[in-house]
Amino acid sequence: MPCQLRAFSVASVGIALSTLAASAVSGLSTEEDGFRWRVHDDSRPKPPVVAIENGVPADAMVLVGIESGTDALRSGDGPCQWSFADGVLTIAPGAGDIHTKGVFGDCQLHLEWQFPEGRSIKGQMGGNSGVFFLDRYEFQILHTFENESYADGMAGSIYGQFPPLVNPIKAAGLWNSYDIVFRGPRFDDGGGLIRPATITALINGVLAQDHVSLLGPTRHKARTSYEAHESTGPLRFQDHGDPISFRNVWVRPIPEPQLPE
């Protein structure tokens, strides 16, 4: 089997290189080729410059930070009811989920979260939260350091759908980082699915979800499917009854990839 796999891989690379070479000969330039720009064409739009200050991109919206407070968040139609001090937002168990006041579609989200020391946990109970994109697609937060649960409910899972590739969660009292790239689904004018939602995510710098295509919105103990909805919506942070803390939370909209036309 290893030899067969290697042969297939080499052959695939050969085909890919041949295709690339043929494209290079054509210059990626003609209408017939389906390309808008030549290779290295100076007229092709350049990527915008994005400055980074204190680890935050200039085009990002800070949701939780020392200076931002909770101004970007809401509980229902009122102010955020979770606890906030010194740049750290902590779930107030029983206060309910919170939402962003703004709405987002395709986006990059960075957040850091911490499970408190001295708190007991067993499976899904004791250290559970989550972040929902478009208010419906959940990326799981769960303290899984020396704690196990069902695979598609572990930290970094697409809840109820796809387990993470790894479990790099740190011990209680230490901060974990999530970096998530979310692209929402696309629907045609009749409500049919053109493209599913996707998520790519790193946990503490380690790849946990690799451009996974979601099956639909999050459901608990039930299969899911898509129904047409708006292309933007609020981010939702879950109150599962556990005092998980958050800091350095920011989000930035991302454009479609710049493909030749």
Protein backbone atom coordinates (compact mmCIF):
# COMPACT_ATOMS: atom_id res chain seq x y z
CA MET A 1 0.00 0.00 0.00
CA PRO A 2 2.75 2.59 0.80
CA CYS A 3 4.31 2.03 -2.65
CA GLN A 4 0.97 2.44 -4.37
CA LEU A 5 0.30 5.65 -2.50
CA ARG A 6 3.71 7.02 -3.41
CA ALA A 7 3.22 6.21 -7.08
CA PHE A 8 -0.17 7.89 -7.09
CA SER A 9 1.25 10.96 -5.40
CA VAL A 10 4.13 11.30 -7.87
CA ALA A 11 1.79 10.83 -10.80
CA SER A 12 -0.59 13.45 -9.42
CA VAL A 13 2.25 15.92 -8.95
CA GLY A 14 3.40 15.24 -12.50
CA ILE A 15 -0.04 15.97 -13.90
CA ALA A 16 -0.30 19.13 -11.82
CA LEU A 17 3.10 20.36 -12.99
CA SER A 18 2.25 19.60 -16.61
CA THR A 19 -0.98 21.56 -16.29
CA LEU A 20 0.84 24.47 -14.67
CA ALA A 21 3.50 24.45 -17.38
CA ALA A 22 0.86 24.46 -20.12
CA SER A 23 -0.85 27.38 -18.45
CA ALA A 24 2.43 29.25 -18.18
CA VAL A 25 3.00 28.82 -21.91
CA SER A 26 -0.39 30.38 -22.61
CA GLY A 27 0.47 33.21 -20.24
CA LEU A 28 -2.82 32.85 -18.34
CA SER A 29 -3.82 35.71 -20.56
CA THR A 30 -6.54 34.90 -23.03
CA GLU A 31 -10.27 35.11 -22.65
CA GLU A 32 -10.44 31.52 -23.88
CA ASP A 33 -8.26 30.37 -20.99
CA GLY A 34 -10.69 32.01 -18.58
CA PHE A 35 -8.02 34.20 -17.00
CA ARG A 36 -8.09 37.96 -16.63
CA TRP A 37 -4.42 38.67 -15.92
CA ARG A 38 -1.12 37.51 -17.35
CA VAL A 39 1.42 35.90 -15.04
CA HIS A 40 3.04 38.64 -12.92
CA ASP A 41 0.76 41.24 -14.52
CA ASP A 42 1.38 44.62 -12.81
CA SER A 43 -2.24 45.62 -13.41
CA ARG A 44 -3.46 42.88 -11.08
CA PRO A 45 -4.74 44.46 -7.81
CA LYS A 46 -2.22 44.34 -4.97
CA PRO A 47 -3.15 43.19 -1.46
CA PRO A 48 -3.95 46.06 0.92
CA VAL A 49 -1.48 46.92 3.64
CA VAL A 50 -2.77 45.95 7.09
CA ALA A 51 -0.83 47.33 10.05
CA ILE A 52 -0.61 45.26 13.24
CA GLU A 53 -0.71 46.98 16.62
CA ASN A 54 -0.45 45.00 19.86
CA GLY A 55 -1.21 41.85 17.91
CA VAL A 56 -4.45 43.19 16.42
CA PRO A 57 -4.86 43.91 12.67
CA ALA A 58 -5.86 47.49 11.92
CA ASP A 59 -8.92 46.32 9.96
CA ALA A 60 -10.25 44.22 12.85
CA MET A 61 -13.01 45.07 15.31
CA VAL A 62 -12.02 44.43 18.93
CA LEU A 63 -14.84 42.68 20.76
CA VAL A 64 -13.08 42.10 24.07
CA GLY A 65 -10.07 44.18 25.08
CA ILE A 66 -8.80 46.44 27.83
CA GLU A 67 -9.99 49.61 26.09
CA SER A 68 -13.05 48.22 24.32
CA GLY A 69 -14.93 47.05 27.39
CA THR A 70 -18.14 45.32 26.33
CA ASP A 71 -19.41 48.07 24.03
CA ALA A 72 -19.50 45.70 21.03
CA LEU A 73 -21.57 43.05 22.85
CA ARG A 74 -25.16 42.73 24.00
CA SER A 75 -27.39 40.51 26.11
CA GLY A 76 -30.69 40.42 24.25
CA ASP A 77 -31.42 44.04 23.35
CA GLY A 78 -29.57 45.40 26.38
CA PRO A 79 -26.01 45.73 27.71
CA CYS A 80 -23.79 42.67 28.08
CA GLN A 81 -24.52 40.95 31.40
CA TRP A 82 -21.28 38.96 31.66
CA SER A 83 -18.56 40.11 34.08
CA PHE A 84 -15.77 42.32 32.76
CA ALA A 85 -12.59 43.53 34.46
CA ASP A 86 -9.07 44.41 33.28
CA GLY A 87 -9.73 43.30 29.71
CA VAL A 88 -11.16 39.90 30.70
CA LEU A 89 -14.78 38.93 30.04
CA THR A 90 -16.15 36.06 32.15
CA ILE A 91 -19.40 34.20 31.69
CA ALA A 92 -21.91 34.99 34.43
CA PRO A 93 -23.64 31.59 34.65
CA GLY A 94 -27.35 31.97 34.11
CA ALA A 95 -27.08 35.37 32.41
CA GLY A 96 -27.58 33.76 29.00
CA ASP A 97 -25.75 33.88 25.70
CA ILE A 98 -24.35 37.16 24.40
CA HIS A 99 -24.20 38.45 20.84
CA THR A 100 -22.17 40.98 18.93
CA LYS A 101 -24.02 44.18 18.12
CA GLY A 102 -22.50 44.09 14.64
CA VAL A 103 -23.10 41.42 12.02
CA PHE A 104 -20.47 39.50 10.09
CA GLY A 105 -20.28 37.06 7.19
CA ASP A 106 -16.98 35.63 6.01
CA CYS A 107 -14.51 36.52 8.75
CA GLN A 108 -11.38 35.77 10.72
CA LEU A 109 -11.94 35.46 14.47
CA HIS A 110 -9.26 35.44 17.16
CA LEU A 111 -10.15 34.70 20.75
CA GLU A 112 -8.40 33.52 23.90
CA TRP A 113 -10.18 31.60 26.64
CA GLN A 114 -9.35 30.16 30.04
CA PHE A 115 -10.79 27.46 32.28
CA PRO A 116 -10.41 28.42 35.97
CA GLU A 117 -8.19 26.46 38.32
CA GLY A 118 -9.81 24.39 41.07
CA ARG A 119 -13.03 23.70 39.18
CA SER A 120 -14.19 20.13 38.59
CA ILE A 121 -15.11 18.98 35.10
CA LYS A 122 -16.47 15.79 33.62
CA GLY A 123 -17.13 15.46 29.93
CA GLN A 124 -19.38 18.28 28.77
CA MET A 125 -20.12 19.46 32.29
CA GLY A 126 -18.07 22.07 34.14
CA GLY A 127 -16.11 23.83 31.41
CA ASN A 128 -18.28 24.28 28.35
CA SER A 129 -18.98 27.19 26.00
CA GLY A 130 -18.91 27.87 22.28
CA VAL A 131 -18.85 30.52 19.61
CA PHE A 132 -21.53 30.57 16.90
CA PHE A 133 -20.99 32.12 13.48
CA LEU A 134 -24.06 33.70 11.87
CA ASP A 135 -25.74 32.83 15.20
CA ARG A 136 -26.07 29.19 14.07
CA TYR A 137 -22.75 27.41 13.32
CA GLU A 138 -20.95 26.42 16.55
CA PHE A 139 -17.23 26.04 17.10
CA GLN A 140 -16.88 24.23 20.42
CA ILE A 141 -15.12 25.52 23.52
CA LEU A 142 -14.53 22.83 26.14
CA HIS A 143 -11.80 22.25 28.69
CA THR A 144 -10.36 18.99 27.34
CA PHE A 145 -7.05 18.95 29.18
CA GLU A 146 -7.15 15.50 30.82
CA ASN A 147 -10.89 15.48 30.16
CA GLU A 148 -12.65 13.54 27.41
CA SER A 149 -16.10 13.64 25.88
CA TYR A 150 -17.68 12.45 22.63
CA ALA A 151 -15.39 13.24 19.70
CA ASP A 152 -17.62 15.78 17.94
CA GLY A 153 -18.05 17.70 21.19
CA MET A 154 -14.36 18.09 22.07
CA ALA A 155 -12.66 21.50 22.08
CA GLY A 156 -12.22 22.66 18.52
CA SER A 157 -14.97 20.50 17.09
CA ILE A 158 -17.60 21.65 14.64
CA TYR A 159 -20.18 20.70 17.25
CA GLY A 160 -22.11 17.56 16.39
CA GLN A 161 -20.33 17.25 13.04
CA PHE A 162 -16.53 17.12 12.87
CA PRO A 163 -14.04 16.33 15.67
CA PRO A 164 -10.84 18.39 15.74
CA LEU A 165 -7.65 16.91 14.29
CA VAL A 166 -5.84 17.38 17.61
CA ASN A 167 -6.42 18.19 21.30
CA PRO A 168 -3.78 20.80 22.28
CA ILE A 169 -5.77 22.37 25.14
CA LYS A 170 -3.68 23.64 28.06
CA ALA A 171 -4.08 23.00 31.78
CA ALA A 172 -6.58 24.95 33.91
CA GLY A 173 -5.52 28.53 34.59
CA LEU A 174 -3.64 28.86 31.29
CA TRP A 175 -4.92 30.72 28.25
CA ASN A 176 -5.85 28.95 25.02
CA SER A 177 -6.02 30.72 21.66
CA TYR A 178 -8.41 30.05 18.80
CA ASP A 179 -7.81 31.42 15.30
CA ILE A 180 -10.77 30.62 13.07
CA VAL A 181 -11.47 31.42 9.43
CA PHE A 182 -15.17 31.11 8.65
CA ARG A 183 -16.81 31.35 5.26
CA GLY A 184 -20.57 31.26 5.16
CA PRO A 185 -22.68 29.19 2.79
CA ARG A 186 -23.91 30.52 -0.52
CA PHE A 187 -27.44 30.03 -1.82
CA ASP A 188 -28.99 30.64 -5.21
CA ASP A 189 -32.05 32.82 -5.76
CA GLY A 190 -34.31 29.83 -5.16
CA GLY A 191 -32.73 29.00 -1.80
CA GLY A 192 -30.69 26.08 -3.10
CA LEU A 193 -27.23 25.49 -1.66
CA ILE A 194 -24.41 26.55 -3.99
CA ARG A 195 -21.55 26.18 -1.52
CA PRO A 196 -21.50 24.98 2.10
CA ALA A 197 -20.01 26.94 4.99
CA THR A 198 -16.37 26.15 5.74
CA ILE A 199 -14.10 26.50 8.75
CA THR A 200 -10.33 26.43 9.09
CA ALA A 201 -9.03 26.73 12.65
CA LEU A 202 -5.88 26.64 14.76
CA ILE A 203 -5.84 25.96 18.49
CA ASN A 204 -2.78 27.29 20.26
CA GLY A 205 -1.11 27.53 16.84
CA VAL A 206 -1.89 23.92 15.89
CA LEU A 207 -4.17 23.09 12.94
CA ALA A 208 -7.43 21.65 14.30
CA GLN A 209 -9.87 22.05 11.38
CA ASP A 210 -8.64 22.03 7.79
CA HIS A 211 -11.14 23.82 5.53
CA VAL A 212 -13.98 21.57 6.68
CA SER A 213 -17.31 21.84 4.82
CA LEU A 214 -20.12 22.08 7.36
CA LEU A 215 -23.19 19.88 6.95
CA GLY A 216 -25.53 22.66 8.08
CA PRO A 217 -26.35 24.66 11.22
CA THR A 218 -25.55 23.19 14.64
CA ARG A 219 -28.03 20.69 16.03
CA HIS A 220 -27.93 18.69 19.28
CA LYS A 221 -28.22 14.92 18.80
CA ALA A 222 -29.78 15.40 15.39
CA ARG A 223 -28.68 15.46 11.77
CA THR A 224 -28.69 18.82 10.08
CA SER A 225 -29.23 20.35 6.66
CA TYR A 226 -29.18 23.80 5.13
CA GLU A 227 -31.99 26.27 4.74
CA ALA A 228 -31.37 29.57 2.99
CA HIS A 229 -30.57 32.49 5.31
CA GLU A 230 -28.94 35.91 5.32
CA SER A 231 -25.25 36.12 4.43
CA THR A 232 -24.39 38.02 7.62
CA GLY A 233 -25.36 37.66 11.25
CA PRO A 234 -24.09 38.24 14.79
CA LEU A 235 -21.48 36.17 16.52
CA ARG A 236 -22.90 34.42 19.58
CA PHE A 237 -20.97 33.34 22.68
CA GLN A 238 -22.59 30.60 24.71
CA ASP A 239 -23.46 30.56 28.40
CA HIS A 240 -23.43 26.85 29.24
CA GLY A 241 -23.44 27.56 32.97
CA ASP A 242 -19.65 27.58 33.39
CA PRO A 243 -17.42 30.59 34.22
CA ILE A 244 -15.14 30.48 31.18
CA SER A 245 -13.11 33.69 30.68
CA PHE A 246 -12.25 35.44 27.41
CA ARG A 247 -9.69 38.06 26.42
CA ASN A 248 -8.16 39.52 23.24
CA VAL A 249 -11.17 38.81 21.07
CA TRP A 250 -11.23 40.43 17.65
CA VAL A 251 -12.88 39.81 14.30
CA ARG A 252 -12.17 41.03 10.79
CA PRO A 253 -14.21 40.59 7.62
CA ILE A 254 -12.39 38.77 4.82
CA PRO A 255 -13.04 39.14 1.07
CA GLU A 256 -13.47 36.38 -1.45
CA PRO A 257 -10.13 35.05 -2.79
CA GLN A 258 -8.85 37.15 -5.68
CA LEU A 259 -9.12 34.64 -8.52
CA PRO A 260 -8.50 35.33 -12.19
CA GLU A 261 -11.74 36.02 -14.05
